[in-house]
Amino acid sequence: MKKSVAIIGGGAAGLLLAAFLDSSLFDITIYEKNKTFGRKLLVAGKGGFNLTHSEPIADLIQRYTPTNFLEEALLHFSNEDLRNWLETIGIPTFIGSSKRIYPKEDIKPIDVLSKILEVLKSKDVAFKFEHDWTGWNAKNELIFENQEIVSSDYIVFALGGGSWKVTGSDGSWLDIFRKQDIETIPFKPANCAYQIEWNPDFLQKHSGSPLKNIAVTCGSKYQKGELVITDFGLEGNAIYALSPEIQSELDSLGKATIYIDLKPSLTEEDIKKRIENSNKKITETLSKDLNLSRLQINLIKDQLTKDEFLNTSVLASSIKALEFNVLAPAQIDEAISTTGGIPLDQVDSNHMLKKLPDHYCIGEMLDWNAPTGGYLLQACFSMGVHLASHINTSNKR
């Protein structure tokens, strides 16, 4: 007789789990609070569906916080494994100029989701929509808002984090777990914009403008990339990648300090020499000899006094490390992802809750972080596949 697996949540992690479970061993059911699966997956696909990153697996593993948390899952189902599997289900991929991996042209996010759902249908996975999980009863059976009660041999929660509430990922399950005496951590925004107090005149001229080919430092972490000046502050991949460091400083100090390197390709000494050897006006030197944009020059002017701007040493130092105080993160629902949820010490190496045997948590429910660039989705996919392998093997023992 087959055993049963109940998957609560039809996002990236839950769908890949169902796709790799052995349907000859299990009756598999996905319970989803929305009318459709993969709503956050589709939102992630707007503007280019970045499925994963092409860098070597050893480097990819190091992108996650805490480091090596996902090593076993990523080695079991790597970025190359994901590409190969997608190819077999009719989703060929390509590596973009940024080394990120996307579906081939003309393949839309909804097409990717549809192909995954075709796999699930071929395995007779049962779909239960508009099933909002509300907790457990005294027998540890699952209770849903529609009064349905479910008992299952294996229960997997893939309920998502705390951002993008419109997709159903609202973090409301935290209270349910707390009542079950399972430790939780409040959600915080990650991969989000950060508040900077701009000069109004500067903002009027430059809001929405990009800072390209720069790098940002917070603490000991240095990240190349791009930024965008916004009314709120700064956003972009260079600052998203520093979320753990920025949030740590905000938590401990009430503010964080970042430094923008406007010329990563040159040393401070190189910059100083070019300024000193130039016969042009300083602004012209910055533009023509150092190839700084008007935005970059105005940013420097806005942050320095006139005397500092005219001081070659101070100017060169500022071009390499222009200091900004970060006041706060964006609102949680504006964040691309979140940290918090279930602490990692509450689950074992297979993501089973230590206090609830045969109950598992995967995806953004767990307290981990990764930068944008395909790392978030890859982690969810890998956790789902890795857990499927564990459950398949456990049932055969």
Foldseek 3Di string as FASTA:
>chain_A
DAFEEEEEAQALQSLLLLLQFQLVRYAAEYEEQAPDHHLLQQVCCPPFNQAAFQDDLVVLQCQKPVRNLCVVLCVVQPPVNVQVVLVVLPFHWDQDPVRTIGTPPPQGSVNSVVSSVVSSVVSVYHYHYSWAWDAADPVRWTATPVRDTHDGLFYEYAQFDCAQCVSVNHHPCQVRVVVVVADWWDKDFALFFFAFDADVVLCVVFAQHKQAQKWKDFDHDIFTGMWGQHPRGIHGQRVRSCRVRQVVCCVVPQKTKMWMQSQVPDDLVVQLVQQVPDPDDNVVSCCPVVVGDPSLVVVLPRQDDPVLCPDSSSVSVNNGTPMTMTRGGDPRHRHSGIFMAHEPVQADSLQAGPVDPSYGYAARNYGMDGGDRNSRSSRSSSSSNSNSVVVNVVSVD
